[in-house]
């Protein structure tokens, strides 16, 4: 009987998955900045007030959705490494 245990190789998928998470988070941060910029520009379009209000509200809803997505990705950091 041997007390030597062979090391198991970690699958490359884990590394790729982590890289993808970082890439997606970066893309979401970029998208968040763009949505905030578009919201500011949309508010200054000179369109009828109700139209501007609805447009900006929809864009702010999109900002909230992107922030929730970032929160979901951020929660992955609390998971123990594989």
Protein backbone atom coordinates (compact mmCIF):
# COMPACT_ATOMS: atom_id res chain seq x y z
CA UNK A 1 0.00 0.00 0.00
CA UNK A 2 1.32 3.43 -0.94
CA UNK A 3 0.68 6.74 0.80
CA UNK A 4 1.58 8.76 -2.31
CA UNK A 5 -1.39 10.32 -4.03
CA UNK A 6 -1.12 11.39 -7.64
CA UNK A 7 -1.93 15.03 -8.37
CA UNK A 8 -4.96 15.61 -10.52
CA UNK A 9 -4.69 18.18 -13.27
CA UNK A 10 -7.25 20.93 -13.16
CA UNK A 11 -9.23 21.15 -16.32
CA UNK A 12 -8.32 24.05 -18.61
CA UNK A 13 -12.02 24.92 -18.75
CA UNK A 14 -11.82 26.40 -15.25
CA UNK A 15 -9.10 28.82 -16.34
CA UNK A 16 -10.99 29.75 -19.47
CA UNK A 17 -14.21 30.19 -17.52
CA UNK A 18 -12.50 32.58 -15.11
CA UNK A 19 -11.04 34.54 -18.01
CA UNK A 20 -14.49 34.73 -19.57
CA UNK A 21 -15.98 36.03 -16.32
CA UNK A 22 -13.39 38.80 -16.23
CA UNK A 23 -14.00 39.60 -19.90
CA UNK A 24 -17.77 39.70 -19.44
CA UNK A 25 -17.44 41.90 -16.34
CA UNK A 26 -15.24 44.29 -18.32
CA UNK A 27 -17.75 44.39 -21.15
CA UNK A 28 -20.57 45.06 -18.69
CA UNK A 29 -18.63 47.93 -17.11
CA UNK A 30 -18.05 49.43 -20.55
CA UNK A 31 -21.72 49.00 -21.38
CA UNK A 32 -22.68 50.65 -18.09
CA UNK A 33 -20.56 53.69 -18.90
CA UNK A 34 -22.07 53.90 -22.39
CA UNK A 35 -25.63 53.68 -21.07
CA UNK A 36 -24.97 56.43 -18.54
CA UNK A 37 -23.51 58.61 -21.31
CA UNK A 38 -26.46 57.96 -23.62
CA UNK A 39 -28.88 58.75 -20.77
CA UNK A 40 -27.25 62.14 -20.24
CA UNK A 41 -27.30 62.88 -23.97
CA UNK A 42 -30.91 61.73 -24.33
CA UNK A 43 -32.01 64.12 -21.61
CA UNK A 44 -30.62 67.04 -23.64
CA UNK A 45 -32.27 66.20 -26.98
CA UNK A 46 -34.92 68.92 -26.82
CA UNK A 47 -37.69 66.42 -27.55
CA UNK A 48 -41.08 66.67 -25.84
CA UNK A 49 -40.66 66.29 -22.06
CA UNK A 50 -42.73 63.11 -21.77
CA UNK A 51 -40.74 61.44 -24.55
CA UNK A 52 -37.44 62.43 -22.93
CA UNK A 53 -38.64 61.23 -19.53
CA UNK A 54 -39.67 57.83 -20.89
CA UNK A 55 -36.47 57.44 -22.90
CA UNK A 56 -34.26 58.30 -19.95
CA UNK A 57 -36.29 56.03 -17.65
CA UNK A 58 -35.85 53.09 -20.01
CA UNK A 59 -32.12 53.77 -20.20
CA UNK A 60 -31.90 53.97 -16.41
CA UNK A 61 -33.76 50.65 -16.21
CA UNK A 62 -31.09 49.22 -18.52
CA UNK A 63 -28.38 50.65 -16.25
CA UNK A 64 -30.03 48.92 -13.28
CA UNK A 65 -30.16 45.63 -15.19
CA UNK A 66 -26.46 45.86 -16.06
CA UNK A 67 -25.64 46.66 -12.42
CA UNK A 68 -27.59 43.58 -11.30
CA UNK A 69 -25.68 41.48 -13.83
CA UNK A 70 -22.40 42.81 -12.42
CA UNK A 71 -23.59 41.97 -8.92
CA UNK A 72 -24.32 38.40 -10.03
CA UNK A 73 -20.86 38.02 -11.51
CA UNK A 74 -19.31 39.58 -8.40
CA UNK A 75 -21.03 37.01 -6.20
CA UNK A 76 -18.98 34.36 -7.98
CA UNK A 77 -15.92 35.59 -6.09
CA UNK A 78 -17.44 34.23 -2.88
CA UNK A 79 -17.36 30.70 -4.23
CA UNK A 80 -14.37 28.65 -3.12
CA UNK A 81 -11.82 28.12 -5.91
CA UNK A 82 -12.10 24.79 -7.67
